[in-house]
Protein backbone atom coordinates (compact mmCIF):
# COMPACT_ATOMS: atom_id res chain seq x y z
CA MET A 1 -14.64 33.27 42.61
CA SER A 2 -17.05 36.11 41.86
CA LEU A 3 -18.55 36.80 38.46
CA GLU A 4 -15.76 39.34 37.92
CA GLN A 5 -13.13 36.66 38.39
CA CYS A 6 -12.82 33.16 37.01
CA GLU A 7 -10.47 30.25 36.48
CA VAL A 8 -10.01 28.44 33.16
CA VAL A 9 -8.32 25.03 32.98
CA LEU A 10 -6.77 23.77 29.74
CA LEU A 11 -5.95 20.06 29.51
CA GLU A 12 -3.60 18.60 26.91
CA THR A 13 -2.65 15.18 25.68
CA SER A 14 -0.02 14.79 22.97
CA ASP A 15 1.77 11.97 21.17
CA LEU A 16 -0.55 9.29 22.53
CA HIS A 17 0.46 7.10 19.59
CA GLY A 18 -2.58 4.90 20.02
CA PHE A 19 -1.58 3.84 23.53
CA ILE A 20 -4.91 3.40 25.31
CA LEU A 21 -4.76 0.50 27.76
CA PRO A 22 -1.98 0.37 30.37
CA GLU A 23 -0.38 -2.82 29.10
CA SER A 24 2.78 -3.46 27.10
CA TYR A 25 2.10 -5.08 23.72
CA ALA A 26 5.54 -6.69 23.82
CA THR A 27 5.35 -8.27 27.28
CA ARG A 28 1.63 -8.08 28.25
CA LYS A 29 2.76 -6.56 31.57
CA GLU A 30 1.01 -3.59 33.17
CA VAL A 31 2.55 -0.16 32.55
CA PRO A 32 1.90 3.10 34.45
CA TYR A 33 0.60 5.12 31.50
CA GLY A 34 -1.94 5.15 28.66
CA LEU A 35 -5.05 7.12 27.74
CA ALA A 36 -7.28 5.00 30.00
CA ARG A 37 -5.36 6.32 33.03
CA ILE A 38 -5.38 9.87 31.63
CA ALA A 39 -9.17 9.60 31.29
CA SER A 40 -9.49 9.18 35.05
CA ILE A 41 -7.53 12.40 35.58
CA VAL A 42 -9.73 14.28 33.11
CA GLN A 43 -12.92 13.11 34.79
CA ASP A 44 -11.57 14.11 38.20
CA ILE A 45 -10.63 17.62 37.04
CA ARG A 46 -13.95 18.19 35.29
CA ARG A 47 -15.82 17.40 38.47
CA ASN A 48 -14.07 20.31 40.16
CA HIS A 49 -13.66 22.83 37.31
CA SER A 50 -16.54 23.89 35.08
CA ASN A 51 -14.42 26.07 32.75
CA THR A 52 -12.36 23.28 31.18
CA LEU A 53 -11.10 22.57 27.67
CA LEU A 54 -9.52 19.26 26.55
CA ILE A 55 -7.19 19.30 23.52
CA ASP A 56 -5.21 16.55 21.83
CA ASN A 57 -2.04 17.95 20.31
CA GLY A 58 -1.46 15.32 17.62
CA ASP A 59 0.12 11.95 16.85
CA CYS A 60 -2.72 9.93 18.33
CA LEU A 61 -3.67 7.68 15.38
CA GLN A 62 -0.43 5.69 14.92
CA GLY A 63 2.10 3.92 17.07
CA THR A 64 0.80 0.69 18.61
CA PRO A 65 -0.17 -2.75 17.29
CA LEU A 66 -3.76 -1.70 18.04
CA THR A 67 -3.62 1.20 15.59
CA TYR A 68 -1.70 -0.89 13.03
CA TYR A 69 -4.29 -3.67 13.30
CA HIS A 70 -7.11 -1.21 12.72
CA ALA A 71 -5.42 0.61 9.84
CA LYS A 72 -3.95 -2.38 8.01
CA VAL A 73 -5.88 -5.50 9.01
CA ASN A 74 -9.42 -4.61 10.09
CA SER A 75 -10.23 -1.01 9.19
CA GLY A 76 -13.93 -1.80 8.85
CA LEU A 77 -14.27 -1.56 12.62
CA PRO A 78 -14.79 1.83 14.29
CA ASN A 79 -11.52 3.64 14.92
CA PRO A 80 -10.61 2.80 18.54
CA VAL A 81 -8.65 5.98 19.17
CA ILE A 82 -11.40 8.23 17.83
CA GLY A 83 -13.95 6.29 19.86
CA CYS A 84 -12.00 7.06 23.03
CA LEU A 85 -11.51 10.74 22.20
CA ASN A 86 -15.23 11.03 21.45
CA GLY A 87 -16.03 9.27 24.70
CA LEU A 88 -13.89 11.73 26.63
CA ARG A 89 -15.57 14.67 24.85
CA TYR A 90 -12.43 16.28 23.49
CA ASP A 91 -12.97 19.86 22.38
CA ALA A 92 -10.46 19.69 19.50
CA ALA A 93 -7.49 17.81 18.12
CA VAL A 94 -4.47 19.01 16.16
CA LEU A 95 -2.89 17.12 13.29
CA GLY A 96 0.49 15.57 14.08
CA ASN A 97 3.03 14.31 11.57
CA HIS A 98 2.15 10.65 12.24
CA GLU A 99 -1.51 11.30 11.43
CA PHE A 100 -0.48 11.02 7.76
CA ASN A 101 1.33 7.66 8.06
CA TYR A 102 -1.63 5.57 6.91
CA GLY A 103 -2.59 7.90 4.08
CA LEU A 104 -5.17 10.64 3.56
CA PRO A 105 -8.22 8.37 3.09
CA TYR A 106 -7.60 6.80 6.52
CA LEU A 107 -7.08 10.21 8.09
CA ARG A 108 -10.23 11.63 6.48
CA ASN A 109 -12.26 8.69 7.82
CA ALA A 110 -10.91 9.38 11.30
CA VAL A 111 -11.78 13.06 11.03
CA GLU A 112 -15.30 12.28 9.79
CA ALA A 113 -15.82 9.92 12.74
CA SER A 114 -14.76 12.58 15.24
CA ASP A 115 -17.26 14.54 17.32
CA PHE A 116 -14.72 17.37 17.60
CA PRO A 117 -12.89 19.52 15.03
CA TRP A 118 -9.35 18.81 13.80
CA LEU A 119 -7.23 21.95 13.61
CA SER A 120 -4.14 22.83 11.64
CA ALA A 121 -4.03 26.33 10.25
CA ASN A 122 -0.74 25.82 8.41
CA ILE A 123 -1.63 22.61 6.53
CA VAL A 124 -3.65 23.83 3.58
CA ASP A 125 -5.18 22.58 0.37
CA ALA A 126 -2.60 23.52 -2.25
CA SER A 127 -5.30 24.49 -4.77
CA THR A 128 -7.43 26.69 -2.50
CA GLY A 129 -5.05 27.74 0.30
CA ARG A 130 -7.68 26.79 2.87
CA PRO A 131 -6.87 24.75 5.99
CA LEU A 132 -7.08 21.02 5.27
CA PHE A 133 -10.13 20.25 7.39
CA GLY A 134 -11.72 23.69 7.28
CA LYS A 135 -11.05 25.02 10.77
CA PRO A 136 -7.80 26.82 11.60
CA TYR A 137 -9.08 27.61 15.09
CA ILE A 138 -12.01 27.32 17.48
CA ILE A 139 -13.54 29.80 19.91
CA ARG A 140 -15.14 28.40 23.06
CA GLU A 141 -17.14 30.58 25.44
CA MET A 142 -16.87 29.36 29.03
CA GLU A 143 -19.71 29.48 31.57
CA SER A 144 -18.08 32.60 32.98
CA GLY A 145 -18.27 34.32 29.59
CA VAL A 146 -14.54 34.11 28.89
CA ARG A 147 -13.92 33.39 25.22
CA VAL A 148 -10.97 31.04 24.66
CA GLY A 149 -9.50 30.74 21.17
CA VAL A 150 -7.44 27.68 20.21
CA LEU A 151 -5.27 27.83 17.07
CA GLY A 152 -3.93 24.54 15.70
CA LEU A 153 -0.46 24.35 14.13
CA THR A 154 1.67 21.44 12.94
CA THR A 155 5.37 21.06 12.25
CA SER A 156 5.93 22.04 8.63
CA TYR A 157 8.74 19.49 8.28
CA ILE A 158 6.34 16.68 7.33
CA PRO A 159 7.25 16.64 3.61
CA VAL A 160 10.81 15.67 4.60
CA TRP A 161 9.55 12.45 6.22
CA GLU A 162 6.23 11.45 4.73
CA GLN A 163 5.41 9.43 1.65
CA PRO A 164 4.53 11.92 -1.13
CA GLU A 165 1.27 10.15 -1.94
CA HIS A 166 0.15 10.53 1.68
CA ILE A 167 0.30 14.32 1.47
CA ALA A 168 -0.52 14.87 -2.19
CA GLY A 169 -2.31 18.15 -2.82
CA LEU A 170 -1.28 19.66 0.51
CA ARG A 171 0.99 22.59 1.32
CA PHE A 172 2.76 22.96 4.66
CA GLU A 173 3.18 26.61 5.55
CA ASP A 174 5.42 28.25 8.12
CA PRO A 175 3.82 27.96 11.60
CA VAL A 176 5.20 31.30 12.81
CA GLN A 177 3.86 33.24 9.84
CA THR A 178 0.56 31.37 10.05
CA ALA A 179 0.15 32.29 13.71
CA GLN A 180 0.97 35.92 12.95
CA HIS A 181 -1.85 35.90 10.40
CA TRP A 182 -4.58 34.14 12.39
CA ILE A 183 -4.17 35.47 15.93
CA PRO A 184 -5.36 39.00 15.03
CA VAL A 185 -8.33 37.38 13.26
CA MET A 186 -9.15 35.34 16.37
CA LYS A 187 -9.17 38.51 18.45
CA ALA A 188 -11.03 40.74 16.00
CA GLU A 189 -13.57 38.34 14.47
CA GLY A 190 -13.67 35.68 17.18
CA GLN A 191 -13.48 38.18 20.04
CA ALA A 192 -11.12 35.81 21.88
CA ASP A 193 -10.12 36.90 25.40
CA VAL A 194 -7.48 34.15 25.67
CA ILE A 195 -5.26 32.91 22.84
CA VAL A 196 -4.06 29.31 23.01
CA VAL A 197 -1.76 27.88 20.34
CA SER A 198 -1.74 24.09 20.18
CA TYR A 199 1.38 23.28 18.16
CA HIS A 200 2.41 19.78 17.21
CA GLY A 201 6.06 20.62 17.39
CA GLY A 202 8.64 21.27 20.05
CA PHE A 203 11.49 23.57 20.92
CA GLU A 204 14.50 24.31 18.78
CA ARG A 205 16.16 26.21 21.63
CA ASP A 206 16.60 25.70 25.35
CA PRO A 207 13.41 27.17 26.90
CA GLY A 208 15.42 28.83 29.65
CA THR A 209 18.44 30.24 27.82
CA GLY A 210 17.38 30.43 24.17
CA THR A 211 20.51 28.52 23.12
CA PRO A 212 19.93 26.32 20.04
CA THR A 213 19.61 22.65 21.00
CA GLU A 214 19.36 21.22 17.48
CA PRO A 215 19.98 22.22 13.86
CA LEU A 216 17.52 25.00 13.04
CA THR A 217 15.78 23.12 10.23
CA GLY A 218 12.26 24.34 10.97
CA GLU A 219 11.14 20.99 12.38
CA ASN A 220 10.55 22.61 15.78
CA VAL A 221 9.77 26.32 16.16
CA GLY A 222 8.17 26.52 19.60
CA TYR A 223 10.66 29.04 20.87
CA ALA A 224 10.22 31.21 17.78
CA LEU A 225 6.43 31.18 18.27
CA CYS A 226 6.87 32.57 21.78
CA GLU A 227 9.41 35.19 20.69
CA GLN A 228 8.09 36.31 17.32
CA VAL A 229 4.29 36.12 17.56
CA GLU A 230 2.34 38.76 19.48
CA GLY A 231 -0.67 37.83 21.54
CA ILE A 232 -0.08 34.17 22.49
CA ASP A 233 -1.08 33.46 26.09
CA VAL A 234 -0.57 29.69 26.16
CA LEU A 235 1.49 27.33 23.99
CA LEU A 236 0.64 23.61 24.07
CA THR A 237 3.49 21.60 22.55
CA GLY A 238 4.47 18.02 21.68
CA HIS A 239 6.37 16.01 19.08
CA GLN A 240 9.56 15.79 21.14
CA HIS A 241 8.01 13.61 23.86
CA ARG A 242 9.39 15.88 26.57
CA ALA A 243 7.93 16.50 30.02
CA ILE A 244 7.81 20.30 30.35
CA GLU A 245 5.96 22.17 33.10
CA GLY A 246 6.35 25.39 35.06
CA CYS A 247 7.73 27.04 31.95
CA ASN A 248 7.23 30.57 30.61
CA ILE A 249 8.90 31.94 27.49
CA ASN A 250 8.50 35.64 26.81
CA GLY A 251 5.37 35.66 28.94
CA VAL A 252 3.84 32.63 27.20
CA CYS A 253 2.81 29.76 29.49
CA VAL A 254 4.15 26.49 28.06
CA VAL A 255 3.54 22.79 28.68
CA GLN A 256 4.48 19.46 27.01
CA PRO A 257 3.05 16.20 28.41
CA GLY A 258 5.48 13.51 27.24
CA ASN A 259 4.16 10.63 25.15
CA GLU A 260 1.90 7.57 25.29
CA GLY A 261 -0.26 9.11 28.00
CA ARG A 262 2.45 9.37 30.62
CA TYR A 263 1.21 12.80 31.72
CA LEU A 264 -1.76 15.09 31.31
CA GLY A 265 -0.71 18.67 30.69
CA LYS A 266 -2.67 21.19 32.77
CA ILE A 267 -2.69 24.96 32.30
CA THR A 268 -4.56 26.97 34.94
CA LEU A 269 -5.47 30.56 34.11
CA GLN A 270 -6.85 33.13 36.54
CA LEU A 271 -8.78 35.94 34.90
CA GLU A 272 -10.37 39.16 36.05
CA LYS A 273 -12.99 41.17 34.23
CA LYS A 274 -12.11 44.82 33.70
CA PRO A 275 -13.91 47.57 31.77
CA GLU A 276 -11.89 46.75 28.66
CA GLY A 277 -12.56 43.01 28.98
CA TRP A 278 -11.11 39.88 30.58
CA SER A 279 -7.46 39.99 31.62
CA ILE A 280 -5.19 37.13 32.71
CA THR A 281 -3.89 37.73 36.23
CA GLY A 282 -2.15 34.39 36.78
CA ARG A 283 -1.05 31.35 34.79
CA THR A 284 0.62 28.06 35.73
CA SER A 285 1.55 24.89 33.85
CA THR A 286 1.78 21.51 35.54
CA LEU A 287 1.99 17.84 34.60
CA ILE A 288 -0.14 15.20 36.28
CA ALA A 289 1.36 11.70 36.18
CA ALA A 290 -0.91 8.96 34.83
CA ALA A 291 0.79 6.44 37.12
CA GLU A 292 -1.12 7.85 40.09
CA PHE A 293 -4.53 6.96 38.61
CA GLU A 294 -6.38 3.75 37.84
CA PRO A 295 -7.63 3.19 34.27
CA ASP A 296 -11.10 4.50 33.47
CA GLY A 297 -13.60 1.67 33.11
CA ASP A 298 -15.59 3.25 30.29
CA ILE A 299 -12.52 3.77 28.12
CA THR A 300 -11.32 0.24 28.84
CA GLN A 301 -14.69 -1.14 27.80
CA LEU A 302 -14.78 0.98 24.62
CA VAL A 303 -11.72 -0.75 23.17
CA SER A 304 -12.11 -4.21 24.69
CA GLY A 305 -13.50 -5.79 21.51
CA ILE A 306 -10.86 -4.61 19.04
CA GLU A 307 -8.17 -5.02 21.69
CA GLY A 308 -9.03 -8.70 21.99
CA LEU A 309 -8.88 -9.13 18.21
CA THR A 310 -5.53 -7.35 18.15
CA GLN A 311 -4.09 -9.60 20.86
CA ASN A 312 -5.19 -12.72 18.97
CA TRP A 313 -3.60 -11.38 15.79
CA LEU A 314 -0.38 -10.61 17.63
CA ASP A 315 -0.04 -14.18 18.85
CA GLN A 316 -0.27 -15.75 15.40
CA PRO A 317 2.95 -17.72 14.67
CA PHE A 318 4.64 -16.86 11.38
CA GLY A 319 7.70 -19.09 11.51
CA TYR A 320 10.61 -20.41 13.50
CA LEU A 321 14.16 -19.38 14.28
CA ASP A 322 17.39 -21.37 14.40
CA GLY A 323 19.98 -19.68 16.61
CA ASP A 324 19.82 -16.66 18.90
CA MET A 325 18.29 -13.39 17.69
CA THR A 326 17.48 -12.00 21.13
CA VAL A 327 18.67 -8.43 21.78
CA HIS A 328 20.51 -8.88 25.07
CA SER A 329 22.08 -5.40 24.88
CA HIS A 330 20.80 -2.59 22.68
CA ALA A 331 24.10 -0.78 23.14
CA GLY A 332 25.98 -3.87 22.04
CA ALA A 333 23.74 -4.31 19.01
CA ARG A 334 24.87 -0.88 17.77
CA LEU A 335 28.54 -1.43 18.54
CA HIS A 336 28.80 -4.96 17.14
CA GLU A 337 26.86 -6.56 14.33
CA HIS A 338 23.71 -8.27 15.61
CA PRO A 339 21.63 -11.02 13.93
CA LEU A 340 18.43 -8.95 14.20
CA ILE A 341 19.87 -6.08 12.16
CA GLU A 342 21.45 -8.56 9.75
CA PHE A 343 17.98 -10.06 9.29
CA ILE A 344 16.40 -6.64 8.64
CA HIS A 345 19.02 -6.10 5.94
CA ARG A 346 18.18 -9.47 4.39
CA VAL A 347 14.49 -8.55 4.22
CA GLN A 348 15.23 -5.12 2.72
CA MET A 349 17.63 -6.53 0.11
CA ASP A 350 15.28 -9.38 -0.79
CA ALA A 351 12.32 -7.04 -1.27
CA SER A 352 14.27 -4.46 -3.26
CA GLY A 353 16.91 -6.37 -5.17
CA ALA A 354 19.53 -3.88 -3.95
CA ASP A 355 22.99 -5.09 -2.95
CA ILE A 356 23.54 -2.44 -0.26
CA SER A 357 21.24 -1.76 2.69
CA ALA A 358 21.03 0.74 5.58
CA ALA A 359 18.92 0.08 8.68
CA ALA A 360 18.61 1.11 12.33
CA LEU A 361 17.67 -0.38 15.69
CA PHE A 362 14.89 2.09 16.43
CA ASP A 363 14.72 2.03 20.22
CA ASN A 364 16.01 0.38 23.39
CA ILE A 365 12.98 -1.87 23.75
CA ALA A 366 13.14 -4.11 20.64
CA PRO A 367 13.36 -7.67 22.02
CA GLY A 368 14.59 -9.54 18.96
CA PHE A 369 13.08 -12.90 17.98
CA GLY A 370 12.52 -16.09 19.95
CA GLU A 371 12.32 -19.63 18.64
CA VAL A 372 8.67 -19.18 17.63
CA ILE A 373 8.16 -15.91 15.76
CA THR A 374 4.81 -14.16 16.15
CA MET A 375 3.39 -10.90 14.87
CA ARG A 376 3.80 -9.54 18.43
CA GLU A 377 7.57 -9.90 18.04
CA ILE A 378 7.55 -8.43 14.54
CA VAL A 379 5.70 -5.24 15.52
CA SER A 380 7.75 -4.95 18.73
CA ASN A 381 10.98 -4.95 16.73
CA TYR A 382 9.78 -2.81 13.82
CA ILE A 383 7.65 -0.10 15.40
CA TYR A 384 7.13 2.30 12.47
CA PRO A 385 4.92 1.96 9.36
CA ASN A 386 7.91 2.52 7.09
CA THR A 387 8.14 1.48 3.47
CA LEU A 388 11.34 1.06 1.45
CA LYS A 389 13.02 3.05 -1.28
CA VAL A 390 16.10 2.30 -3.36
CA LEU A 391 18.19 5.40 -3.96
CA ARG A 392 21.01 5.77 -6.47
CA ILE A 393 23.77 7.56 -4.58
CA SER A 394 27.50 8.06 -4.92
CA GLY A 395 30.28 6.52 -2.86
CA ARG A 396 30.81 10.02 -1.50
CA ASP A 397 27.19 10.04 -0.26
CA ILE A 398 27.66 6.67 1.44
CA LYS A 399 30.76 7.90 3.25
CA ALA A 400 28.96 11.10 4.32
CA ALA A 401 26.06 9.03 5.66
CA LEU A 402 28.45 6.82 7.64
CA GLU A 403 30.11 9.92 9.09
CA LYS A 404 26.68 11.21 10.07
CA SER A 405 25.85 7.94 11.82
CA ALA A 406 29.24 7.99 13.56
CA GLU A 407 28.19 11.22 15.28
CA TYR A 408 25.88 9.01 17.37
CA PHE A 409 28.91 8.03 19.46
CA GLU A 410 31.46 9.85 21.57
CA ILE A 411 34.16 8.79 24.03
CA ASP A 412 33.62 9.79 27.64
CA ALA A 413 36.22 10.83 30.22
CA GLU A 414 36.82 7.19 31.13
CA GLY A 415 37.53 6.17 27.55
CA ARG A 416 34.21 4.40 26.96
CA ILE A 417 32.17 4.63 23.79
CA VAL A 418 28.82 6.15 24.78
CA VAL A 419 25.89 7.77 23.02
CA SER A 420 26.45 11.43 22.19
CA PRO A 421 24.08 13.72 24.17
CA PRO A 422 22.33 15.23 21.09
CA PHE A 423 21.03 11.72 20.35
CA LEU A 424 19.53 11.43 23.84
CA LEU A 425 18.21 14.91 24.62
CA PRO A 426 15.75 16.46 24.34
CA LYS A 427 14.46 13.31 22.63
CA PRO A 428 16.18 9.93 22.15
CA GLN A 429 17.13 9.44 18.51
CA HIS A 430 18.54 5.92 18.34
CA PHE A 431 16.69 5.60 15.02
CA ASN A 432 19.16 8.07 13.50
CA TYR A 433 22.12 5.68 13.76
CA ASP A 434 22.26 3.37 10.74
CA MET A 435 24.17 0.14 10.25
CA TRP A 436 25.00 -0.98 6.72
CA GLU A 437 25.18 -4.23 4.78
CA GLY A 438 26.82 -4.81 1.38
CA ILE A 439 29.89 -2.71 2.26
CA ASP A 440 32.75 -3.22 4.72
CA TYR A 441 33.62 -0.36 7.03
CA ILE A 442 35.22 0.71 10.30
CA LEU A 443 34.14 3.67 12.41
CA ASP A 444 36.90 4.93 14.73
CA ILE A 445 35.22 7.06 17.41
CA SER A 446 38.60 8.29 18.70
CA GLN A 447 38.89 10.36 15.52
CA PRO A 448 37.30 13.82 15.06
CA ILE A 449 33.73 14.07 13.80
CA GLY A 450 33.74 13.92 10.01
CA GLN A 451 36.92 11.80 9.95
CA ARG A 452 35.74 8.61 11.63
CA VAL A 453 35.30 6.35 8.57
CA THR A 454 38.75 4.75 8.49
CA ARG A 455 37.88 1.87 6.18
CA LEU A 456 35.23 1.74 3.43
CA GLU A 457 35.31 -1.10 0.93
CA ARG A 458 33.08 -3.15 -1.31
CA ASN A 459 34.07 -6.59 -2.56
CA GLY A 460 37.59 -6.10 -1.23
CA GLN A 461 38.15 -2.81 -3.06
CA THR A 462 38.11 0.75 -1.71
CA LEU A 463 34.68 2.24 -2.41
CA SER A 464 34.91 4.75 -5.23
CA GLU A 465 33.58 8.16 -4.22
CA GLU A 466 32.57 8.89 -7.82
CA ALA A 467 30.84 5.60 -8.60
CA GLU A 468 27.07 5.21 -8.10
CA TYR A 469 25.41 2.52 -6.04
CA ASP A 470 21.82 1.43 -5.45
CA VAL A 471 21.02 1.43 -1.71
CA VAL A 472 17.81 0.33 0.01
CA MET A 473 16.63 2.19 3.12
CA ASN A 474 13.36 3.16 4.77
CA ASN A 475 11.33 6.06 3.38
CA TYR A 476 12.11 8.30 6.38
CA ARG A 477 15.83 8.08 5.77
CA ALA A 478 15.48 8.26 1.98
CA ALA A 479 13.80 11.65 2.38
CA GLY A 480 16.73 12.91 4.44
CA GLY A 481 15.09 12.37 7.82
CA GLY A 482 17.50 12.67 10.73
CA ASN A 483 19.45 15.39 8.88
CA PHE A 484 20.85 12.89 6.37
CA THR A 485 20.83 15.66 3.79
CA MET A 486 23.08 13.72 1.42
CA PHE A 487 20.04 11.61 0.44
CA GLN A 488 17.71 14.48 -0.37
CA GLY A 489 16.85 14.84 -4.05
CA LYS A 490 18.62 11.63 -5.10
CA PRO A 491 17.04 9.44 -7.82
CA VAL A 492 14.57 6.84 -6.56
CA VAL A 493 15.36 3.68 -8.51
CA LYS A 494 12.65 1.62 -6.89
CA ASP A 495 9.76 2.32 -4.51
CA ILE A 496 8.41 -0.59 -2.45
CA PRO A 497 5.03 0.61 -1.09
CA MET A 498 4.39 -2.33 1.28
CA ASP A 499 5.00 -1.70 5.00
CA MET A 500 8.14 -3.27 6.43
CA VAL A 501 6.04 -5.14 9.01
CA GLU A 502 4.26 -6.91 6.15
CA LEU A 503 7.52 -7.51 4.29
CA ILE A 504 9.06 -9.07 7.39
CA ALA A 505 6.00 -11.26 8.01
CA ASP A 506 5.92 -12.40 4.37
CA PHE A 507 9.66 -13.14 4.38
CA ILE A 508 9.35 -15.35 7.47
CA ARG A 509 6.09 -17.00 6.41
CA GLY A 510 7.48 -17.81 2.95
CA ARG A 511 10.52 -19.60 4.40
CA GLY A 512 8.98 -21.10 7.49
CA ARG A 513 12.31 -21.05 9.30
CA ILE A 514 15.07 -18.44 9.41
CA THR A 515 18.61 -18.57 10.80
CA ALA A 516 20.38 -16.07 13.03
CA SER A 517 23.70 -15.06 11.51
CA VAL A 518 26.13 -12.18 11.02
CA ASN A 519 28.94 -11.62 8.52
CA ASN A 520 30.92 -9.05 10.54
CA ASN A 521 31.19 -6.53 7.70
CA TRP A 522 31.58 -3.53 10.04
CA SER A 523 33.00 -2.55 13.39
CA VAL A 524 33.06 0.40 15.77
CA VAL A 525 36.41 0.98 17.48
CA GLY A 526 38.14 3.61 19.60
CA GLY A 527 37.07 2.80 23.15
CA ALA A 528 35.21 0.43 25.44
CA ALA A 529 31.44 -0.14 25.29
CA GLU A 530 29.13 1.08 28.01
CA GLU A 531 25.72 -0.41 28.69
CA LEU A 532 23.11 2.20 27.80
CA LYS A 533 20.14 3.15 29.93
CA PRO A 534 16.90 1.97 28.25
CA VAL A 535 14.72 4.80 26.99
CA ARG A 536 11.65 4.90 24.76
CA ASN A 537 11.74 7.04 21.65
CA ASP A 538 9.83 8.10 18.56
CA ARG A 539 10.50 10.21 15.52
């Protein structure tokens, strides 16, 4: 192209969740994704395009045994994720909600080790009102002279999920209003020719029709950004782990590259210089599959040391199992009581002293436990760095929570109990179906939503709606995560700050041997079970 025309390429990763090497931590088998494969794509594109920017859209620091090992076991080593992002010469990163999971000191260390700025204009210091890490946006001038501005935004729903001490002193402002404030500044003071918003959040409405696809809680406001904010040329999104390409909303070019390095998002902009400045004449969004590329050798070598230490740690035996705790069917484990969930309840009740427990089977990958229990199995079954809280709630709250969980199911045209579509699309939400211990209940899926709890007892007596009970659950649910609003604002009787992975390991190590068992205190009725298609998920 001539000097009066140019092409700018924007590359996006999002929701990497610490997945660098293309190997499953549960099975040690090769997988067709991971940052090492993405790195090969990036290098290939850079060889052919000089005007290129590389952005990570958040949730890169948490999510694999590698990141857990670094954060909780051996944090004195260099951060492996940051080392890889530095090695790939990222231009910027945006804070995701999971960046806060290991606390602010860990996050600050990661930021300080980064050779690139971390952006989030709407996460501010509560005392000063300034963006957390100083930069709300960056301006990059390409070789052609085009000035590209990138504004970082993060879902403002983080206080609903995160431990209060992990976000102490921070304020999470509305992303739409924040964008409306900063974009004129980027144009006037930064003289940006192109405005890119990198938003760690997704879409609350169908991108094509504008129809709401979830409760409009403010967790995702991607559609609102496109509709309500003037001047956005490109919107990089994430959080929902969706694969979105070839999408335009109100003239804004949109992309979302899945999770764990399955895709690299690529935005290609054609620009032409006119008397009044650069103007975009064409824009496209595409996804490039990591499966088509071999892992980059430099990235593989960067993490080889800490990866080896992590693998050794994962294979440490913690105890032994009598009986069968293998998850043969994830669908079955949600329809009929399973020893793995019963065991999770036992750990939660032992750690908290509570007599009632709520817990979920987070995904359709959890393998259960074999005869010899290792840390690899523990972190494969409990994939989040959750802690526990004991809430004091009423019998009415318990019933409302059970009704909310019962929405996970529906009966299809053939009379089978299946997962309700809102729990599968746009993002699988198996983690928002809880099973309970310490009460006896029946969910009848043939009944209307809100009327499916047909039996609810404790110690042989109908559960009193007015009485109060102490219930242990993970911190995500205790904050109302998953739209369990009945838990919001309820008294916290006890806070157990230790991660569940550590609690599980300590429970097994302290006993040496555990037994697989169930007490059949609940059932789901109303139709026949259907085997569910395995899918990966995250919050």
